[in-house]
Protein backbone atom coordinates (compact mmCIF):
# COMPACT_ATOMS: atom_id res chain seq x y z
CA MET A 1 113.04 99.22 61.24
CA SER A 2 112.93 98.70 57.50
CA GLN A 3 112.54 95.02 56.70
CA ASP A 4 114.18 95.18 53.27
CA LEU A 5 117.54 96.20 54.80
CA LEU A 6 117.32 93.80 57.75
CA ILE A 7 119.92 91.00 57.75
CA LYS A 8 120.65 88.16 60.13
CA LEU A 9 124.23 87.70 61.38
CA VAL A 10 125.09 84.25 62.74
CA SER A 11 128.19 83.54 64.82
CA VAL A 12 130.70 80.95 63.65
CA GLY A 13 131.88 80.53 67.26
CA ASP A 14 135.33 80.83 68.79
CA LYS A 15 138.28 78.50 68.15
CA ASN A 16 136.66 75.77 70.30
CA GLY A 17 133.21 76.22 68.72
CA VAL A 18 131.69 77.87 71.81
CA GLY A 19 128.92 80.35 71.00
CA LYS A 20 128.23 79.00 67.52
CA GLY A 21 124.78 79.98 66.29
CA HIS A 22 124.32 83.17 68.35
CA VAL A 23 122.33 85.69 66.28
CA TYR A 24 122.42 89.47 65.78
CA TYR A 25 119.97 91.35 63.56
CA THR A 26 121.11 94.57 61.91
CA ARG A 27 120.46 96.79 58.92
CA TYR A 28 122.83 96.71 55.97
CA ASN A 29 122.43 98.00 52.43
CA ASN A 30 123.62 95.24 50.07
CA LYS A 31 123.02 97.43 47.02
CA ASN A 32 126.09 99.57 47.74
CA LYS A 33 128.56 96.66 47.83
CA LYS A 34 131.22 96.33 45.14
CA ASP A 35 130.64 92.55 44.87
CA PRO A 36 126.92 91.78 45.43
CA GLY A 37 127.54 88.02 45.56
CA LYS A 38 129.72 88.30 48.65
CA LYS A 39 128.18 87.90 52.12
CA TYR A 40 128.62 90.58 54.81
CA GLU A 41 131.02 89.57 57.59
CA THR A 42 131.94 91.41 60.80
CA THR A 43 133.38 90.86 64.27
CA LYS A 44 131.05 91.41 67.23
CA PHE A 45 130.97 90.48 70.92
CA ASN A 46 129.50 87.04 71.60
CA PRO A 47 128.02 86.89 75.14
CA ILE A 48 127.98 83.08 75.16
CA ALA A 49 131.68 82.74 74.30
CA LYS A 50 132.49 85.96 76.22
CA THR A 51 134.81 87.14 73.45
CA HIS A 52 134.66 88.78 70.02
CA THR A 53 133.82 86.32 67.26
CA VAL A 54 133.15 86.48 63.52
CA TYR A 55 129.55 86.89 62.40
CA LYS A 56 128.50 86.09 58.83
CA GLN A 57 125.38 87.09 56.93
CA LYS A 58 122.79 84.32 56.80
CA LYS A 59 119.65 85.86 55.28
């Protein structure tokens, strides 16, 4: 896996704060974004909270 495209996604947790800090690693090309200053954000399944939560780019 290419290290220059590797980003760390950290969970913000659910509405009660459960699952905050859970981490996913994925590849994402920041060079193709329209606004390079904006962080990548997506919704993924959080196994600690047992629901889909928002993950934000940390690295």
